[in-house]
């Protein structure tokens, strides 16, 4: 099938991704792109525990993910690629030009962020980074669950 979802979600693998997105897309693999998690066997094991045994979980840094994107797109199973932040997704998109669509799924409150949607809080710098990503030709939308309508970038950044 290929990668059905490139998603920014600061919680990475959690119930909404596994149950909401994973089941509705019939995901066969999830690729978690995060330098710190890639370096931590302990964290990798924690994330694996949240996913059914039938779903392969892969871990990669940005360079490794960029090198694997073609294989992920050619995989006969449906895949989900996750990053925890905008900067990591932007770096992946820059290094892997085949990534043409990004879902902003959950960027939660922290000091300095303001609510843009009930599930998206951004600083001005983060909003600008999403607009810059879109300016490269990547379609950026926000959508917390598959049953919700995608929200265009212009409506929240």
N, C-alpha and C. Protein backbone atom coordinates (compact mmCIF):
# COMPACT_ATOMS: atom_id res chain seq x y z
N UNK A 1 0.84 -1.20 0.00
CA UNK A 1 0.00 0.00 0.00
C UNK A 1 0.87 1.24 0.00
N UNK A 2 1.57 1.55 1.04
CA UNK A 2 2.49 2.67 1.18
C UNK A 2 2.20 3.41 2.48
N UNK A 3 2.88 4.52 2.67
CA UNK A 3 2.65 5.33 3.87
C UNK A 3 1.37 6.12 3.66
N UNK A 4 0.41 5.88 4.51
CA UNK A 4 -0.88 6.55 4.42
C UNK A 4 -0.92 7.83 5.24
N UNK A 5 0.00 7.96 6.21
CA UNK A 5 -0.07 9.09 7.12
C UNK A 5 1.32 9.48 7.60
N UNK A 6 1.69 10.72 7.35
CA UNK A 6 2.88 11.33 7.96
C UNK A 6 2.32 12.29 9.00
N UNK A 7 2.57 12.02 10.27
CA UNK A 7 1.87 12.73 11.35
C UNK A 7 2.84 13.33 12.36
N UNK A 8 2.56 14.57 12.76
CA UNK A 8 3.26 15.21 13.88
C UNK A 8 2.35 15.06 15.09
N UNK A 9 2.85 14.38 16.11
CA UNK A 9 2.08 14.17 17.34
C UNK A 9 3.07 14.06 18.48
N UNK A 10 3.05 15.02 19.38
CA UNK A 10 4.07 15.04 20.43
C UNK A 10 3.99 13.87 21.40
N UNK A 11 2.92 13.09 21.33
CA UNK A 11 2.82 11.90 22.17
C UNK A 11 3.34 10.65 21.45
N UNK A 12 3.65 10.80 20.17
CA UNK A 12 4.15 9.70 19.33
C UNK A 12 3.16 8.55 19.31
N UNK A 13 3.55 7.37 19.77
CA UNK A 13 2.64 6.22 19.74
C UNK A 13 1.80 6.24 21.01
N UNK A 14 0.48 6.32 20.81
CA UNK A 14 -0.47 6.32 21.92
C UNK A 14 -1.80 5.83 21.37
N UNK A 15 -2.81 5.75 22.20
CA UNK A 15 -4.08 5.15 21.81
C UNK A 15 -4.72 5.74 20.56
N UNK A 16 -4.71 7.05 20.43
CA UNK A 16 -5.34 7.68 19.28
C UNK A 16 -4.64 7.27 17.97
N UNK A 17 -3.32 7.13 18.02
CA UNK A 17 -2.59 6.70 16.83
C UNK A 17 -2.83 5.23 16.56
N UNK A 18 -2.71 4.41 17.59
CA UNK A 18 -2.82 2.96 17.42
C UNK A 18 -4.25 2.54 17.09
N UNK A 19 -5.19 2.98 17.89
CA UNK A 19 -6.58 2.56 17.71
C UNK A 19 -7.26 3.40 16.63
N UNK A 20 -7.25 4.71 16.80
CA UNK A 20 -7.95 5.57 15.85
C UNK A 20 -7.40 5.48 14.44
N UNK A 21 -6.15 5.83 14.28
CA UNK A 21 -5.55 5.84 12.95
C UNK A 21 -5.12 4.45 12.50
N UNK A 22 -4.43 3.74 13.36
CA UNK A 22 -3.88 2.44 12.97
C UNK A 22 -4.95 1.46 12.53
N UNK A 23 -6.02 1.36 13.29
CA UNK A 23 -7.07 0.42 12.93
C UNK A 23 -7.84 0.87 11.71
N UNK A 24 -8.15 2.16 11.62
CA UNK A 24 -8.93 2.62 10.46
C UNK A 24 -8.12 2.51 9.16
N UNK A 25 -6.80 2.71 9.25
CA UNK A 25 -5.96 2.59 8.06
C UNK A 25 -5.48 1.16 7.83
N UNK A 26 -5.74 0.28 8.81
CA UNK A 26 -5.23 -1.10 8.76
C UNK A 26 -3.71 -1.11 8.62
N UNK A 27 -3.07 -0.33 9.49
CA UNK A 27 -1.62 -0.15 9.44
C UNK A 27 -0.89 -1.46 9.72
N UNK A 28 0.11 -1.73 8.91
CA UNK A 28 0.97 -2.90 9.10
C UNK A 28 2.28 -2.52 9.75
N UNK A 29 2.63 -1.22 9.68
CA UNK A 29 3.83 -0.76 10.36
C UNK A 29 3.69 0.70 10.76
N UNK A 30 4.42 1.04 11.80
CA UNK A 30 4.53 2.42 12.27
C UNK A 30 6.02 2.72 12.34
N UNK A 31 6.43 3.81 11.72
CA UNK A 31 7.82 4.26 11.79
C UNK A 31 7.86 5.51 12.66
N UNK A 32 8.59 5.42 13.75
CA UNK A 32 8.73 6.53 14.68
C UNK A 32 10.07 7.19 14.40
N UNK A 33 10.05 8.45 13.97
CA UNK A 33 11.26 9.17 13.61
C UNK A 33 11.58 10.16 14.72
N UNK A 34 12.60 9.83 15.50
CA UNK A 34 12.98 10.64 16.65
C UNK A 34 14.39 10.25 17.05
N UNK A 35 15.30 11.19 17.06
CA UNK A 35 16.71 10.89 17.36
C UNK A 35 16.88 10.31 18.76
N UNK A 36 16.21 10.88 19.76
CA UNK A 36 16.38 10.41 21.13
C UNK A 36 15.82 9.00 21.31
N UNK A 37 14.65 8.75 20.76
CA UNK A 37 14.05 7.42 20.89
C UNK A 37 14.87 6.40 20.11
N UNK A 38 15.40 6.79 18.98
CA UNK A 38 16.25 5.88 18.18
C UNK A 38 17.46 5.43 18.99
N UNK A 39 17.94 6.27 19.87
CA UNK A 39 19.13 5.97 20.66
C UNK A 39 18.81 5.24 21.96
N UNK A 40 17.54 5.02 22.27
CA UNK A 40 17.16 4.46 23.56
C UNK A 40 16.37 3.15 23.40
N UNK A 41 17.02 2.03 23.64
CA UNK A 41 16.34 0.73 23.57
C UNK A 41 15.17 0.67 24.56
N UNK A 42 15.36 1.26 25.72
CA UNK A 42 14.33 1.26 26.75
C UNK A 42 13.07 1.97 26.25
N UNK A 43 13.20 3.16 25.66
CA UNK A 43 12.05 3.88 25.14
C UNK A 43 11.42 3.14 23.97
N UNK A 44 12.24 2.54 23.13
CA UNK A 44 11.71 1.76 22.01
C UNK A 44 10.82 0.64 22.52
N UNK A 45 11.27 -0.05 23.55
CA UNK A 45 10.47 -1.15 24.10
C UNK A 45 9.15 -0.63 24.66
N UNK A 46 9.16 0.52 25.31
CA UNK A 46 7.93 1.11 25.83
C UNK A 46 6.94 1.39 24.70
N UNK A 47 7.42 1.96 23.61
CA UNK A 47 6.53 2.25 22.48
C UNK A 47 6.03 0.97 21.82
N UNK A 48 6.87 -0.04 21.72
CA UNK A 48 6.43 -1.32 21.13
C UNK A 48 5.30 -1.94 21.93
N UNK A 49 5.33 -1.78 23.26
CA UNK A 49 4.31 -2.38 24.12
C UNK A 49 2.91 -1.81 23.85
N UNK A 50 2.83 -0.61 23.28
CA UNK A 50 1.54 0.01 23.01
C UNK A 50 0.91 -0.38 21.69
N UNK A 51 1.58 -1.29 20.96
CA UNK A 51 1.12 -1.64 19.62
C UNK A 51 0.90 -3.15 19.54
N UNK A 52 -0.12 -3.57 18.83
CA UNK A 52 -0.39 -4.99 18.64
C UNK A 52 0.80 -5.68 18.00
N UNK A 53 1.00 -6.93 18.32
CA UNK A 53 2.13 -7.70 17.78
C UNK A 53 2.09 -7.79 16.26
N UNK A 54 0.92 -7.64 15.67
CA UNK A 54 0.79 -7.74 14.21
C UNK A 54 1.29 -6.48 13.49
N UNK A 55 1.56 -5.42 14.24
CA UNK A 55 2.03 -4.16 13.65
C UNK A 55 3.52 -4.00 13.96
N UNK A 56 4.32 -3.91 12.92
CA UNK A 56 5.76 -3.71 13.10
C UNK A 56 6.02 -2.25 13.48
N UNK A 57 6.88 -2.05 14.47
CA UNK A 57 7.28 -0.70 14.87
C UNK A 57 8.75 -0.53 14.51
N UNK A 58 9.04 0.51 13.75
CA UNK A 58 10.40 0.81 13.32
C UNK A 58 10.82 2.12 13.97
N UNK A 59 12.11 2.24 14.25
CA UNK A 59 12.65 3.45 14.86
C UNK A 59 13.78 3.97 13.99
N UNK A 60 13.80 5.28 13.78
CA UNK A 60 14.82 5.86 12.91
C UNK A 60 15.09 7.30 13.32
N UNK A 61 16.31 7.74 13.04
CA UNK A 61 16.62 9.16 13.07
C UNK A 61 16.22 9.75 11.72
N UNK A 62 16.37 11.05 11.57
CA UNK A 62 15.94 11.71 10.34
C UNK A 62 16.69 11.19 9.12
N UNK A 63 18.01 11.11 9.18
CA UNK A 63 18.78 10.66 8.01
C UNK A 63 18.42 9.23 7.63
N UNK A 64 18.31 8.38 8.64
CA UNK A 64 17.93 6.99 8.40
C UNK A 64 16.52 6.90 7.81
N UNK A 65 15.59 7.70 8.34
CA UNK A 65 14.22 7.70 7.83
C UNK A 65 14.18 8.19 6.39
N UNK A 66 14.94 9.22 6.08
CA UNK A 66 14.97 9.74 4.71
C UNK A 66 15.46 8.66 3.75
N UNK A 67 16.45 7.90 4.19
CA UNK A 67 16.98 6.82 3.36
C UNK A 67 15.99 5.68 3.20
N UNK A 68 15.09 5.51 4.17
CA UNK A 68 14.11 4.42 4.15
C UNK A 68 12.77 4.80 3.55
N UNK A 69 12.53 6.07 3.32
CA UNK A 69 11.21 6.51 2.86
C UNK A 69 10.77 5.79 1.60
N UNK A 70 11.66 5.61 0.65
CA UNK A 70 11.31 4.90 -0.58
C UNK A 70 10.85 3.48 -0.30
N UNK A 71 11.56 2.79 0.58
CA UNK A 71 11.17 1.42 0.94
C UNK A 71 9.85 1.42 1.69
N UNK A 72 9.64 2.40 2.57
CA UNK A 72 8.37 2.48 3.28
C UNK A 72 7.22 2.73 2.31
N UNK A 73 7.44 3.59 1.34
CA UNK A 73 6.40 3.89 0.35
C UNK A 73 6.10 2.67 -0.53
N UNK A 74 7.10 1.81 -0.73
CA UNK A 74 6.92 0.62 -1.57
C UNK A 74 6.43 -0.59 -0.79
N UNK A 75 6.41 -0.51 0.52
CA UNK A 75 5.97 -1.63 1.36
C UNK A 75 4.52 -1.96 1.01
N UNK A 76 4.19 -3.23 0.84
CA UNK A 76 2.80 -3.58 0.51
C UNK A 76 1.83 -3.32 1.67
N UNK A 77 2.35 -3.18 2.87
CA UNK A 77 1.50 -2.87 4.03
C UNK A 77 1.29 -1.36 4.12
N UNK A 78 0.24 -0.97 4.76
CA UNK A 78 -0.01 0.45 5.02
C UNK A 78 0.86 0.89 6.18
N UNK A 79 1.45 2.06 6.06
CA UNK A 79 2.33 2.57 7.11
C UNK A 79 1.92 3.93 7.63
N UNK A 80 2.38 4.20 8.84
CA UNK A 80 2.22 5.50 9.49
C UNK A 80 3.62 5.94 9.90
N UNK A 81 3.99 7.19 9.59
CA UNK A 81 5.27 7.76 10.00
C UNK A 81 4.98 8.88 10.98
N UNK A 82 5.60 8.81 12.16
CA UNK A 82 5.35 9.76 13.24
C UNK A 82 6.61 10.54 13.60
N UNK A 83 6.43 11.84 13.87
CA UNK A 83 7.46 12.63 14.52
C UNK A 83 6.80 13.36 15.69
N UNK A 84 7.60 13.73 16.66
CA UNK A 84 7.06 14.41 17.84
C UNK A 84 6.98 15.92 17.67
N UNK A 85 7.68 16.45 16.66
CA UNK A 85 7.71 17.90 16.53
C UNK A 85 7.81 18.34 15.08
N UNK A 86 7.55 19.60 14.87
CA UNK A 86 7.55 20.19 13.54
C UNK A 86 8.95 20.16 12.93
N UNK A 87 9.96 20.48 13.72
CA UNK A 87 11.33 20.54 13.19
C UNK A 87 11.77 19.20 12.63
N UNK A 88 11.44 18.11 13.30
CA UNK A 88 11.82 16.79 12.82
C UNK A 88 11.08 16.46 11.53
N UNK A 89 9.79 16.76 11.48
CA UNK A 89 9.04 16.49 10.25
C UNK A 89 9.55 17.35 9.11
N UNK A 90 9.85 18.61 9.37
CA UNK A 90 10.38 19.49 8.32
C UNK A 90 11.71 18.97 7.80
N UNK A 91 12.56 18.49 8.70
CA UNK A 91 13.85 17.93 8.28
C UNK A 91 13.64 16.67 7.45
N UNK A 92 12.69 15.84 7.83
CA UNK A 92 12.40 14.64 7.05
C UNK A 92 11.88 15.03 5.66
N UNK A 93 10.98 15.99 5.59
CA UNK A 93 10.44 16.42 4.30
C UNK A 93 11.54 17.00 3.41
N UNK A 94 12.47 17.74 4.01
CA UNK A 94 13.57 18.32 3.23
C UNK A 94 14.50 17.23 2.70
N UNK A 95 14.71 16.19 3.48
CA UNK A 95 15.63 15.11 3.10
C UNK A 95 14.96 14.04 2.23
N UNK A 96 13.64 13.99 2.26
CA UNK A 96 12.90 12.97 1.51
C UNK A 96 11.79 13.68 0.73
N UNK A 97 12.10 14.17 -0.46
CA UNK A 97 11.13 14.95 -1.23
C UNK A 97 9.84 14.20 -1.58
N UNK A 98 9.81 12.89 -1.41
CA UNK A 98 8.58 12.15 -1.71
C UNK A 98 7.49 12.41 -0.66
N UNK A 99 7.85 12.97 0.49
CA UNK A 99 6.86 13.28 1.52
C UNK A 99 6.16 14.56 1.09
N UNK A 100 4.91 14.46 0.70
CA UNK A 100 4.18 15.60 0.14
C UNK A 100 2.97 16.00 0.95
N UNK A 101 2.68 15.27 2.05
CA UNK A 101 1.53 15.61 2.88
C UNK A 101 1.86 15.33 4.35
N UNK A 102 1.44 16.23 5.21
CA UNK A 102 1.71 16.11 6.64
C UNK A 102 0.44 16.41 7.41
N UNK A 103 0.17 15.55 8.40
CA UNK A 103 -0.97 15.72 9.29
C UNK A 103 -0.45 16.23 10.63
N UNK A 104 -0.96 17.35 11.08
CA UNK A 104 -0.66 17.85 12.42
C UNK A 104 -1.74 17.25 13.32
N UNK A 105 -1.32 16.32 14.17
CA UNK A 105 -2.30 15.56 14.92
C UNK A 105 -2.40 15.91 16.38
N UNK A 106 -1.36 16.38 16.96
CA UNK A 106 -1.41 16.70 18.37
C UNK A 106 -0.15 17.42 18.81
N UNK A 107 -0.25 18.71 18.97
CA UNK A 107 0.84 19.50 19.55
C UNK A 107 0.21 20.21 20.73
N UNK A 108 0.57 19.78 21.90
CA UNK A 108 -0.15 20.17 23.10
C UNK A 108 0.45 21.39 23.79
N UNK A 109 -0.29 21.89 24.77
CA UNK A 109 0.09 23.12 25.47
C UNK A 109 1.45 22.99 26.15
N UNK A 110 2.22 24.03 26.01
CA UNK A 110 3.45 24.29 26.77
C UNK A 110 3.52 25.80 26.91
N UNK A 111 4.25 26.29 27.89
CA UNK A 111 4.39 27.75 28.00
C UNK A 111 4.91 28.35 26.69
N UNK A 112 4.28 29.44 26.28
CA UNK A 112 4.66 30.12 25.06
C UNK A 112 3.80 29.75 23.87
N UNK A 113 3.04 28.67 23.99
CA UNK A 113 2.16 28.24 22.90
C UNK A 113 0.75 28.77 23.15
N UNK A 114 0.05 29.05 22.05
CA UNK A 114 -1.34 29.46 22.15
C UNK A 114 -2.21 28.45 21.40
N UNK A 115 -3.44 28.33 21.85
CA UNK A 115 -4.35 27.37 21.23
C UNK A 115 -4.74 27.85 19.83
N UNK A 116 -4.54 26.96 18.85
CA UNK A 116 -4.95 27.23 17.47
C UNK A 116 -6.16 26.37 17.13
N UNK A 117 -6.16 25.14 17.62
CA UNK A 117 -7.28 24.21 17.56
C UNK A 117 -7.29 23.52 18.92
N UNK A 118 -8.34 22.78 19.24
CA UNK A 118 -8.37 22.16 20.57
C UNK A 118 -7.25 21.16 20.79
N UNK A 119 -6.60 20.70 19.73
CA UNK A 119 -5.52 19.73 19.84
C UNK A 119 -4.19 20.26 19.28
N UNK A 120 -4.17 21.53 18.91
CA UNK A 120 -2.94 22.14 18.37
C UNK A 120 -2.67 23.46 19.07
N UNK A 121 -1.52 23.52 19.73
CA UNK A 121 -1.03 24.72 20.37
C UNK A 121 0.32 25.01 19.74
N UNK A 122 0.53 26.26 19.31
CA UNK A 122 1.76 26.61 18.62
C UNK A 122 2.34 27.92 19.12
N UNK A 123 3.66 28.02 19.07
CA UNK A 123 4.31 29.32 19.21
C UNK A 123 4.25 29.99 17.84
N UNK A 124 4.55 31.27 17.77
CA UNK A 124 4.60 31.94 16.48
C UNK A 124 5.67 31.31 15.59
N UNK A 125 6.79 30.89 16.19
CA UNK A 125 7.87 30.27 15.43
C UNK A 125 7.43 28.92 14.84
N UNK A 126 6.67 28.15 15.61
CA UNK A 126 6.17 26.86 15.11
C UNK A 126 5.16 27.07 13.98
N UNK A 127 4.30 28.07 14.13
CA UNK A 127 3.33 28.37 13.06
C UNK A 127 4.08 28.77 11.79
N UNK A 128 5.12 29.59 11.95
CA UNK A 128 5.92 30.01 10.80
C UNK A 128 6.62 28.81 10.17
N UNK A 129 7.08 27.87 10.98
CA UNK A 129 7.74 26.67 10.45
C UNK A 129 6.76 25.82 9.64
N UNK A 130 5.53 25.73 10.08
CA UNK A 130 4.52 24.99 9.30
C UNK A 130 4.21 25.71 7.99
N UNK A 131 4.13 27.03 8.04
CA UNK A 131 3.88 27.78 6.80
C UNK A 131 5.06 27.63 5.84
N UNK A 132 6.28 27.62 6.37
CA UNK A 132 7.46 27.43 5.53
C UNK A 132 7.47 26.04 4.91
N UNK A 133 7.05 25.04 5.67
CA UNK A 133 6.95 23.68 5.14
C UNK A 133 5.94 23.65 4.00
N UNK A 134 4.80 24.27 4.20
CA UNK A 134 3.78 24.30 3.16
C UNK A 134 4.28 25.05 1.92
N UNK A 135 5.09 26.05 2.12
CA UNK A 135 5.63 26.83 0.99
C UNK A 135 6.53 25.98 0.10
N UNK A 136 7.03 24.85 0.61
CA UNK A 136 7.85 23.95 -0.21
C UNK A 136 7.00 23.01 -1.05
N UNK A 137 5.69 23.09 -0.89
CA UNK A 137 4.79 22.23 -1.67
C UNK A 137 4.19 21.08 -0.88
N UNK A 138 4.51 21.00 0.40
CA UNK A 138 3.94 19.95 1.25
C UNK A 138 2.55 20.39 1.70
N UNK A 139 1.56 19.54 1.53
CA UNK A 139 0.20 19.83 1.98
C UNK A 139 0.14 19.59 3.49
N UNK A 140 -0.14 20.62 4.26
CA UNK A 140 -0.19 20.53 5.72
C UNK A 140 -1.62 20.76 6.17
N UNK A 141 -2.17 19.79 6.89
CA UNK A 141 -3.50 19.91 7.47
C UNK A 141 -3.45 19.41 8.91
N UNK A 142 -4.46 19.75 9.68
CA UNK A 142 -4.59 19.25 11.04
C UNK A 142 -5.81 18.35 11.11
N UNK A 143 -5.65 17.25 11.82
CA UNK A 143 -6.77 16.30 11.97
C UNK A 143 -6.43 15.40 13.13
N UNK A 144 -7.22 15.45 14.18
CA UNK A 144 -6.89 14.63 15.35
C UNK A 144 -7.27 13.18 15.18
N UNK A 145 -8.43 12.91 14.60
CA UNK A 145 -8.89 11.53 14.40
C UNK A 145 -9.35 11.36 12.95
N UNK A 146 -9.36 10.13 12.45
CA UNK A 146 -9.70 9.92 11.05
C UNK A 146 -11.13 10.32 10.68
N UNK A 147 -12.04 10.34 11.64
CA UNK A 147 -13.42 10.69 11.35
C UNK A 147 -13.65 12.19 11.29
N UNK A 148 -12.67 12.98 11.73
CA UNK A 148 -12.78 14.44 11.69
C UNK A 148 -12.37 14.96 10.31
N UNK A 149 -12.91 16.08 9.94
CA UNK A 149 -12.53 16.70 8.68
C UNK A 149 -11.15 17.34 8.83
N UNK A 150 -10.28 17.21 7.83
CA UNK A 150 -8.98 17.88 7.88
C UNK A 150 -9.17 19.40 7.91
N UNK A 151 -8.35 20.07 8.72
CA UNK A 151 -8.40 21.52 8.83
C UNK A 151 -7.22 22.08 8.04
N UNK A 152 -7.47 22.96 7.07
CA UNK A 152 -6.37 23.50 6.29
C UNK A 152 -5.44 24.36 7.14
N UNK A 153 -4.18 24.38 6.76
CA UNK A 153 -3.15 25.14 7.50
C UNK A 153 -3.57 26.57 7.73
N UNK A 154 -4.15 27.20 6.73
CA UNK A 154 -4.53 28.61 6.84
C UNK A 154 -5.48 28.88 8.00
N UNK A 155 -6.21 27.86 8.44
CA UNK A 155 -7.20 28.02 9.51
C UNK A 155 -6.57 27.95 10.91
N UNK A 156 -5.31 27.49 11.00
CA UNK A 156 -4.71 27.37 12.35
C UNK A 156 -3.29 27.90 12.44
N UNK A 157 -2.65 28.20 11.37
CA UNK A 157 -1.29 28.76 11.45
C UNK A 157 -1.26 29.99 10.61
